[in-house]
Protein backbone atom coordinates (compact mmCIF):
# COMPACT_ATOMS: atom_id res chain seq x y z
CA UNK A 1 0.00 0.00 0.00
CA UNK A 2 1.41 3.36 -1.02
CA UNK A 3 0.96 5.99 1.67
CA UNK A 4 0.42 9.69 1.03
CA UNK A 5 2.91 12.16 2.48
CA UNK A 6 2.35 12.27 6.21
CA UNK A 7 2.52 15.35 8.42
CA UNK A 8 3.93 15.90 11.89
CA UNK A 9 2.38 18.80 13.81
CA UNK A 10 4.32 19.66 16.95
CA UNK A 11 3.07 22.19 19.50
CA UNK A 12 4.51 23.30 22.81
CA UNK A 13 2.08 23.03 25.74
CA UNK A 14 3.72 24.31 28.91
CA UNK A 15 6.78 22.14 29.56
CA UNK A 16 5.68 19.45 27.09
CA UNK A 17 5.57 19.11 23.34
CA UNK A 18 2.57 17.44 21.72
CA UNK A 19 2.85 15.86 18.28
CA UNK A 20 0.15 14.57 15.98
CA UNK A 21 -0.02 12.94 12.59
CA UNK A 22 -3.45 14.17 11.45
CA UNK A 23 -3.67 11.87 8.44
CA UNK A 24 -3.54 8.75 10.66
CA UNK A 25 -4.89 10.14 13.93
CA UNK A 26 -1.71 9.25 15.85
CA UNK A 27 -0.34 11.38 18.71
CA UNK A 28 2.63 11.45 21.06
CA UNK A 29 4.29 13.76 23.57
CA UNK A 30 7.72 14.51 24.95
CA UNK A 31 9.90 17.04 26.70
CA UNK A 32 11.82 18.25 23.62
CA UNK A 33 10.76 19.09 20.09
CA UNK A 34 13.20 16.59 18.58
CA UNK A 35 12.37 13.85 21.06
CA UNK A 36 8.66 14.31 20.49
CA UNK A 37 9.11 14.10 16.72
CA UNK A 38 11.05 10.84 17.13
CA UNK A 39 8.36 9.43 19.42
CA UNK A 40 5.66 10.32 16.90
CA UNK A 41 7.64 8.70 14.12
CA UNK A 42 7.96 5.55 16.24
CA UNK A 43 4.23 5.56 17.01
CA UNK A 44 3.36 5.90 13.31
CA UNK A 45 5.79 3.12 12.37
CA UNK A 46 4.30 0.85 15.04
CA UNK A 47 0.79 1.51 13.74
CA UNK A 48 1.87 0.74 10.17
CA UNK A 49 3.58 -2.50 11.29
CA UNK A 50 0.69 -3.75 13.43
CA UNK A 51 -2.48 -2.52 11.72
CA UNK A 52 -3.96 -4.35 8.79
CA UNK A 53 -4.50 -2.56 5.50
CA UNK A 54 -8.22 -2.03 6.20
CA UNK A 55 -7.42 -0.17 9.43
CA UNK A 56 -4.84 2.03 7.72
CA UNK A 57 -7.29 2.84 4.91
CA UNK A 58 -10.00 3.64 7.48
CA UNK A 59 -7.69 6.08 9.25
CA UNK A 60 -6.57 7.70 6.00
CA UNK A 61 -10.17 8.15 4.84
CA UNK A 62 -11.46 10.03 7.89
CA UNK A 63 -11.85 13.16 5.78
CA UNK A 64 -8.79 14.98 7.09
CA UNK A 65 -7.17 17.34 4.60
CA UNK A 66 -3.84 19.00 5.37
CA UNK A 67 -2.81 21.88 3.15
CA UNK A 68 -1.09 25.25 3.30
CA UNK A 69 -3.27 28.17 4.21
CA UNK A 70 -3.00 30.92 1.59
CA UNK A 71 -3.92 34.29 3.10
CA UNK A 72 -4.94 37.29 1.04
CA UNK A 73 -4.40 39.78 3.88
CA UNK A 74 -1.34 39.48 6.04
PDB file of N, CA and C in Angstrom:
ATOM      1  N   UNK A   1       0.846  -1.182   0.000  1.00  0.00           N
ATOM      2  CA  UNK A   1       0.000   0.000   0.000  1.00  0.00           C
ATOM      3  C   UNK A   1       0.888   1.240   0.000  1.00  0.00           C
ATOM      4  N   UNK A   2       0.652   2.118  -0.944  1.00  0.00           N
ATOM      5  CA  UNK A   2       1.414   3.360  -1.022  1.00  0.00           C
ATOM      6  C   UNK A   2       0.734   4.411  -0.155  1.00  0.00           C
ATOM      7  N   UNK A   3       1.492   4.981   0.765  1.00  0.00           N
ATOM      8  CA  UNK A   3       0.962   5.990   1.674  1.00  0.00           C
ATOM      9  C   UNK A   3       1.127   7.384   1.084  1.00  0.00           C
ATOM     10  N   UNK A   4       0.212   8.290   1.413  1.00  0.00           N
ATOM     11  CA  UNK A   4       0.424   9.693   1.034  1.00  0.00           C
ATOM     12  C   UNK A   4       1.522  10.279   1.918  1.00  0.00           C
ATOM     13  N   UNK A   5       1.962  11.475   1.592  1.00  0.00           N
ATOM     14  CA  UNK A   5       2.909  12.158   2.478  1.00  0.00           C
ATOM     15  C   UNK A   5       2.214  12.388   3.809  1.00  0.00           C
ATOM     16  N   UNK A   6       2.922  12.096   4.880  1.00  0.00           N
ATOM     17  CA  UNK A   6       2.354  12.268   6.211  1.00  0.00           C
ATOM     18  C   UNK A   6       2.927  13.527   6.854  1.00  0.00           C
ATOM     19  N   UNK A   7       2.173  14.099   7.774  1.00  0.00           N
ATOM     20  CA  UNK A   7       2.521  15.355   8.415  1.00  0.00           C
ATOM     21  C   UNK A   7       2.739  15.146   9.907  1.00  0.00           C
ATOM     22  N   UNK A   8       3.725  15.849  10.442  1.00  0.00           N
ATOM     23  CA  UNK A   8       3.926  15.899  11.888  1.00  0.00           C
ATOM     24  C   UNK A   8       3.646  17.321  12.341  1.00  0.00           C
ATOM     25  N   UNK A   9       2.680  17.491  13.218  1.00  0.00           N
ATOM     26  CA  UNK A   9       2.377  18.797  13.806  1.00  0.00           C
ATOM     27  C   UNK A   9       2.848  18.747  15.247  1.00  0.00           C
ATOM     28  N   UNK A  10       3.760  19.655  15.599  1.00  0.00           N
ATOM     29  CA  UNK A  10       4.323  19.664  16.948  1.00  0.00           C
ATOM     30  C   UNK A  10       4.036  21.019  17.587  1.00  0.00           C
ATOM     31  N   UNK A  11       3.436  20.975  18.776  1.00  0.00           N
ATOM     32  CA  UNK A  11       3.071  22.186  19.498  1.00  0.00           C
ATOM     33  C   UNK A  11       3.623  22.119  20.915  1.00  0.00           C
ATOM     34  N   UNK A  12       4.054  23.251  21.422  1.00  0.00           N
ATOM     35  CA  UNK A  12       4.515  23.298  22.808  1.00  0.00           C
ATOM     36  C   UNK A  12       3.334  23.642  23.709  1.00  0.00           C
ATOM     37  N   UNK A  13       3.148  22.832  24.750  1.00  0.00           N
ATOM     38  CA  UNK A  13       2.085  23.034  25.738  1.00  0.00           C
ATOM     39  C   UNK A  13       2.737  23.045  27.106  1.00  0.00           C
ATOM     40  N   UNK A  14       3.028  24.227  27.629  1.00  0.00           N
ATOM     41  CA  UNK A  14       3.720  24.311  28.913  1.00  0.00           C
ATOM     42  C   UNK A  14       5.122  23.743  28.781  1.00  0.00           C
ATOM     43  N   UNK A  15       5.458  22.758  29.606  1.00  0.00           N
ATOM     44  CA  UNK A  15       6.784  22.135  29.564  1.00  0.00           C
ATOM     45  C   UNK A  15       6.857  20.964  28.591  1.00  0.00           C
ATOM     46  N   UNK A  16       5.740  20.605  27.973  1.00  0.00           N
ATOM     47  CA  UNK A  16       5.676  19.446  27.089  1.00  0.00           C
ATOM     48  C   UNK A  16       5.477  19.858  25.640  1.00  0.00           C
ATOM     49  N   UNK A  17       5.865  18.970  24.757  1.00  0.00           N
ATOM     50  CA  UNK A  17       5.566  19.114  23.337  1.00  0.00           C
ATOM     51  C   UNK A  17       4.571  18.024  22.957  1.00  0.00           C
ATOM     52  N   UNK A  18       3.567  18.393  22.187  1.00  0.00           N
ATOM     53  CA  UNK A  18       2.567  17.445  21.719  1.00  0.00           C
ATOM     54  C   UNK A  18       2.715  17.316  20.212  1.00  0.00           C
ATOM     55  N   UNK A  19       2.702  16.099  19.718  1.00  0.00           N
ATOM     56  CA  UNK A  19       2.848  15.858  18.282  1.00  0.00           C
ATOM     57  C   UNK A  19       1.694  15.012  17.784  1.00  0.00           C
ATOM     58  N   UNK A  20       1.206  15.356  16.606  1.00  0.00           N
ATOM     59  CA  UNK A  20       0.149  14.573  15.980  1.00  0.00           C
ATOM     60  C   UNK A  20       0.465  14.349  14.507  1.00  0.00           C
ATOM     61  N   UNK A  21      -0.018  13.236  14.019  1.00  0.00           N
ATOM     62  CA  UNK A  21      -0.023  12.944  12.585  1.00  0.00           C
ATOM     63  C   UNK A  21      -1.494  12.937  12.205  1.00  0.00           C
ATOM     64  N   UNK A  22      -2.003  14.063  11.677  1.00  0.00           N
ATOM     65  CA  UNK A  22      -3.446  14.167  11.453  1.00  0.00           C
ATOM     66  C   UNK A  22      -3.986  13.177  10.431  1.00  0.00           C
ATOM     67  N   UNK A  23      -3.192  12.795   9.463  1.00  0.00           N
ATOM     68  CA  UNK A  23      -3.674  11.867   8.443  1.00  0.00           C
ATOM     69  C   UNK A  23      -4.040  10.505   9.029  1.00  0.00           C
ATOM     70  N   UNK A  24      -3.298  10.072  10.061  1.00  0.00           N
ATOM     71  CA  UNK A  24      -3.538   8.752  10.657  1.00  0.00           C
ATOM     72  C   UNK A  24      -4.183   8.818  12.036  1.00  0.00           C
ATOM     73  N   UNK A  25      -4.305  10.018  12.600  1.00  0.00           N
ATOM     74  CA  UNK A  25      -4.892  10.136  13.934  1.00  0.00           C
ATOM     75  C   UNK A  25      -3.994   9.575  15.019  1.00  0.00           C
ATOM     76  N   UNK A  26      -2.678   9.752  14.881  1.00  0.00           N
ATOM     77  CA  UNK A  26      -1.705   9.254  15.850  1.00  0.00           C
ATOM     78  C   UNK A  26      -1.124  10.451  16.597  1.00  0.00           C
ATOM     79  N   UNK A  27      -0.892  10.299  17.902  1.00  0.00           N
ATOM     80  CA  UNK A  27      -0.341  11.382  18.710  1.00  0.00           C
ATOM     81  C   UNK A  27       0.732  10.861  19.649  1.00  0.00           C
ATOM     82  N   UNK A  28       1.591  11.776  20.088  1.00  0.00           N
ATOM     83  CA  UNK A  28       2.630  11.449  21.061  1.00  0.00           C
ATOM     84  C   UNK A  28       2.997  12.725  21.801  1.00  0.00           C
ATOM     85  N   UNK A  29       3.819  12.589  22.834  1.00  0.00           N
ATOM     86  CA  UNK A  29       4.287  13.759  23.567  1.00  0.00           C
ATOM     87  C   UNK A  29       5.692  13.522  24.075  1.00  0.00           C
ATOM     88  N   UNK A  30       6.366  14.617  24.420  1.00  0.00           N
ATOM     89  CA  UNK A  30       7.719  14.511  24.949  1.00  0.00           C
ATOM     90  C   UNK A  30       8.174  15.833  25.527  1.00  0.00           C
ATOM     91  N   UNK A  31       9.377  15.837  26.048  1.00  0.00           N
ATOM     92  CA  UNK A  31       9.900  17.037  26.703  1.00  0.00           C
ATOM     93  C   UNK A  31      10.702  17.937  25.769  1.00  0.00           C
ATOM     94  N   UNK A  32      11.111  17.436  24.599  1.00  0.00           N
ATOM     95  CA  UNK A  32      11.820  18.255  23.622  1.00  0.00           C
ATOM     96  C   UNK A  32      11.141  18.122  22.266  1.00  0.00           C
ATOM     97  N   UNK A  33      11.342  19.113  21.427  1.00  0.00           N
ATOM     98  CA  UNK A  33      10.765  19.090  20.088  1.00  0.00           C
ATOM     99  C   UNK A  33      11.284  17.877  19.318  1.00  0.00           C
ATOM    100  N   UNK A  34      12.596  17.696  19.325  1.00  0.00           N
ATOM    101  CA  UNK A  34      13.204  16.594  18.580  1.00  0.00           C
ATOM    102  C   UNK A  34      12.776  15.235  19.129  1.00  0.00           C
ATOM    103  N   UNK A  35      12.769  15.104  20.451  1.00  0.00           N
ATOM    104  CA  UNK A  35      12.366  13.848  21.064  1.00  0.00           C
ATOM    105  C   UNK A  35      10.916  13.503  20.775  1.00  0.00           C
ATOM    106  N   UNK A  36      10.078  14.524  20.770  1.00  0.00           N
ATOM    107  CA  UNK A  36       8.663  14.313  20.491  1.00  0.00           C
ATOM    108  C   UNK A  36       8.452  13.888  19.047  1.00  0.00           C
ATOM    109  N   UNK A  37       9.209  14.489  18.130  1.00  0.00           N
ATOM    110  CA  UNK A  37       9.113  14.096  16.725  1.00  0.00           C
ATOM    111  C   UNK A  37       9.532  12.638  16.548  1.00  0.00           C
ATOM    112  N   UNK A  38      10.607  12.236  17.216  1.00  0.00           N
ATOM    113  CA  UNK A  38      11.050  10.837  17.134  1.00  0.00           C
ATOM    114  C   UNK A  38      10.011   9.886  17.714  1.00  0.00           C
ATOM    115  N   UNK A  39       9.381  10.286  18.806  1.00  0.00           N
ATOM    116  CA  UNK A  39       8.363   9.430  19.420  1.00  0.00           C
ATOM    117  C   UNK A  39       7.140   9.298  18.519  1.00  0.00           C
ATOM    118  N   UNK A  40       6.769  10.389  17.840  1.00  0.00           N
ATOM    119  CA  UNK A  40       5.656  10.322  16.900  1.00  0.00           C
ATOM    120  C   UNK A  40       6.004   9.415  15.731  1.00  0.00           C
ATOM    121  N   UNK A  41       7.209   9.557  15.229  1.00  0.00           N
ATOM    122  CA  UNK A  41       7.642   8.699  14.124  1.00  0.00           C
ATOM    123  C   UNK A  41       7.571   7.226  14.529  1.00  0.00           C
ATOM    124  N   UNK A  42       8.021   6.925  15.738  1.00  0.00           N
ATOM    125  CA  UNK A  42       7.963   5.552  16.236  1.00  0.00           C
ATOM    126  C   UNK A  42       6.522   5.068  16.369  1.00  0.00           C
ATOM    127  N   UNK A  43       5.639   5.937  16.855  1.00  0.00           N
ATOM    128  CA  UNK A  43       4.227   5.559  17.008  1.00  0.00           C
ATOM    129  C   UNK A  43       3.587   5.286  15.651  1.00  0.00           C
ATOM    130  N   UNK A  44       3.903   6.108  14.656  1.00  0.00           N
ATOM    131  CA  UNK A  44       3.356   5.897  13.309  1.00  0.00           C
ATOM    132  C   UNK A  44       3.897   4.592  12.728  1.00  0.00           C
ATOM    133  N   UNK A  45       5.195   4.359  12.884  1.00  0.00           N
ATOM    134  CA  UNK A  45       5.787   3.119  12.368  1.00  0.00           C
ATOM    135  C   UNK A  45       5.174   1.892  13.026  1.00  0.00           C
ATOM    136  N   UNK A  46       4.938   1.964  14.341  1.00  0.00           N
ATOM    137  CA  UNK A  46       4.297   0.850  15.044  1.00  0.00           C
ATOM    138  C   UNK A  46       2.895   0.588  14.504  1.00  0.00           C
ATOM    139  N   UNK A  47       2.135   1.662  14.296  1.00  0.00           N
ATOM    140  CA  UNK A  47       0.792   1.508  13.737  1.00  0.00           C
ATOM    141  C   UNK A  47       0.868   0.826  12.374  1.00  0.00           C
ATOM    142  N   UNK A  48       1.772   1.292  11.517  1.00  0.00           N
ATOM    143  CA  UNK A  48       1.868   0.741  10.168  1.00  0.00           C
ATOM    144  C   UNK A  48       2.327  -0.713  10.175  1.00  0.00           C
ATOM    145  N   UNK A  49       3.131  -1.102  11.169  1.00  0.00           N
ATOM    146  CA  UNK A  49       3.576  -2.495  11.285  1.00  0.00           C
ATOM    147  C   UNK A  49       2.465  -3.406  11.798  1.00  0.00           C
ATOM    148  N   UNK A  50       1.660  -2.907  12.736  1.00  0.00           N
ATOM    149  CA  UNK A  50       0.694  -3.749  13.432  1.00  0.00           C
ATOM    150  C   UNK A  50      -0.704  -3.741  12.830  1.00  0.00           C
ATOM    151  N   UNK A  51      -1.107  -2.627  12.238  1.00  0.00           N
ATOM    152  CA  UNK A  51      -2.477  -2.525  11.724  1.00  0.00           C
ATOM    153  C   UNK A  51      -2.591  -3.207  10.365  1.00  0.00           C
ATOM    154  N   UNK A  52      -3.752  -3.776  10.119  1.00  0.00           N
ATOM    155  CA  UNK A  52      -3.961  -4.349   8.789  1.00  0.00           C
ATOM    156  C   UNK A  52      -4.296  -3.228   7.806  1.00  0.00           C
ATOM    157  N   UNK A  53      -4.293  -3.563   6.537  1.00  0.00           N
ATOM    158  CA  UNK A  53      -4.499  -2.556   5.495  1.00  0.00           C
ATOM    159  C   UNK A  53      -5.858  -1.876   5.618  1.00  0.00           C
ATOM    160  N   UNK A  54      -6.880  -2.609   6.039  1.00  0.00           N
ATOM    161  CA  UNK A  54      -8.215  -2.030   6.200  1.00  0.00           C
ATOM    162  C   UNK A  54      -8.211  -0.938   7.272  1.00  0.00           C
ATOM    163  N   UNK A  55      -7.504  -1.171   8.360  1.00  0.00           N
ATOM    164  CA  UNK A  55      -7.422  -0.170   9.435  1.00  0.00           C
ATOM    165  C   UNK A  55      -6.674   1.073   8.954  1.00  0.00           C
ATOM    166  N   UNK A  56      -5.596   0.887   8.233  1.00  0.00           N
ATOM    167  CA  UNK A  56      -4.843   2.034   7.723  1.00  0.00           C
ATOM    168  C   UNK A  56      -5.695   2.837   6.751  1.00  0.00           C
ATOM    169  N   UNK A  57      -6.399   2.147   5.858  1.00  0.00           N
ATOM    170  CA  UNK A  57      -7.287   2.843   4.914  1.00  0.00           C
ATOM    171  C   UNK A  57      -8.397   3.601   5.650  1.00  0.00           C
ATOM    172  N   UNK A  58      -8.953   2.989   6.695  1.00  0.00           N
ATOM    173  CA  UNK A  58     -10.002   3.643   7.480  1.00  0.00           C
ATOM    174  C   UNK A  58      -9.482   4.939   8.085  1.00  0.00           C
ATOM    175  N   UNK A  59      -8.284   4.883   8.643  1.00  0.00           N
ATOM    176  CA  UNK A  59      -7.695   6.078   9.250  1.00  0.00           C
ATOM    177  C   UNK A  59      -7.398   7.153   8.214  1.00  0.00           C
ATOM    178  N   UNK A  60      -6.895   6.739   7.058  1.00  0.00           N
ATOM    179  CA  UNK A  60      -6.566   7.702   6.005  1.00  0.00           C
ATOM    180  C   UNK A  60      -7.808   8.334   5.395  1.00  0.00           C
ATOM    181  N   UNK A  61      -8.945   7.660   5.463  1.00  0.00           N
ATOM    182  CA  UNK A  61     -10.167   8.150   4.837  1.00  0.00           C
ATOM    183  C   UNK A  61     -11.134   8.786   5.829  1.00  0.00           C
ATOM    184  N   UNK A  62     -10.608   9.363   6.897  1.00  0.00           N
ATOM    185  CA  UNK A  62     -11.462  10.026   7.887  1.00  0.00           C
ATOM    186  C   UNK A  62     -11.913  11.404   7.434  1.00  0.00           C
ATOM    187  N   UNK A  63     -11.449  11.851   6.274  1.00  0.00           N
ATOM    188  CA  UNK A  63     -11.849  13.158   5.777  1.00  0.00           C
ATOM    189  C   UNK A  63     -10.922  14.281   6.190  1.00  0.00           C
ATOM    190  N   UNK A  64      -9.745  13.959   6.691  1.00  0.00           N
ATOM    191  CA  UNK A  64      -8.785  14.983   7.086  1.00  0.00           C
ATOM    192  C   UNK A  64      -8.012  15.442   5.853  1.00  0.00           C
ATOM    193  N   UNK A  65      -7.967  16.752   5.669  1.00  0.00           N
ATOM    194  CA  UNK A  65      -7.175  17.336   4.603  1.00  0.00           C
ATOM    195  C   UNK A  65      -6.165  18.284   5.221  1.00  0.00           C
ATOM    196  N   UNK A  66      -4.898  18.127   4.879  1.00  0.00           N
ATOM    197  CA  UNK A  66      -3.845  19.004   5.372  1.00  0.00           C
ATOM    198  C   UNK A  66      -3.295  19.755   4.176  1.00  0.00           C
ATOM    199  N   UNK A  67      -3.357  21.084   4.239  1.00  0.00           N
ATOM    200  CA  UNK A  67      -2.811  21.882   3.153  1.00  0.00           C
ATOM    201  C   UNK A  67      -2.369  23.226   3.692  1.00  0.00           C
ATOM    202  N   UNK A  68      -1.556  23.932   2.902  1.00  0.00           N
ATOM    203  CA  UNK A  68      -1.087  25.251   3.295  1.00  0.00           C
ATOM    204  C   UNK A  68      -2.237  26.238   3.229  1.00  0.00           C
ATOM    205  N   UNK A  69      -2.245  27.136   4.157  1.00  0.00           N
ATOM    206  CA  UNK A  69      -3.273  28.168   4.205  1.00  0.00           C
ATOM    207  C   UNK A  69      -2.748  29.399   3.473  1.00  0.00           C
ATOM    208  N   UNK A  70      -3.396  29.757   2.392  1.00  0.00           N
ATOM    209  CA  UNK A  70      -3.002  30.918   1.592  1.00  0.00           C
ATOM    210  C   UNK A  70      -3.854  32.113   2.026  1.00  0.00           C
ATOM    211  N   UNK A  71      -3.215  33.116   2.618  1.00  0.00           N
ATOM    212  CA  UNK A  71      -3.925  34.289   3.104  1.00  0.00           C
ATOM    213  C   UNK A  71      -3.824  35.443   2.121  1.00  0.00           C
ATOM    214  N   UNK A  72      -4.935  36.133   1.926  1.00  0.00           N
ATOM    215  CA  UNK A  72      -4.942  37.290   1.040  1.00  0.00           C
ATOM    216  C   UNK A  72      -4.426  38.508   1.803  1.00  0.00           C
ATOM    217  N   UNK A  73      -4.820  38.648   3.053  1.00  0.00           N
ATOM    218  CA  UNK A  73      -4.401  39.775   3.881  1.00  0.00           C
ATOM    219  C   UNK A  73      -3.457  39.272   4.951  1.00  0.00           C
ATOM    220  N   UNK A  74      -2.296  39.914   5.029  1.00  0.00           N
ATOM    221  CA  UNK A  74      -1.338  39.483   6.040  1.00  0.00           C
ATOM    222  C   UNK A  74      -0.904  40.641   6.891  1.00  0.00           C
TER     223      UNK A  74
END
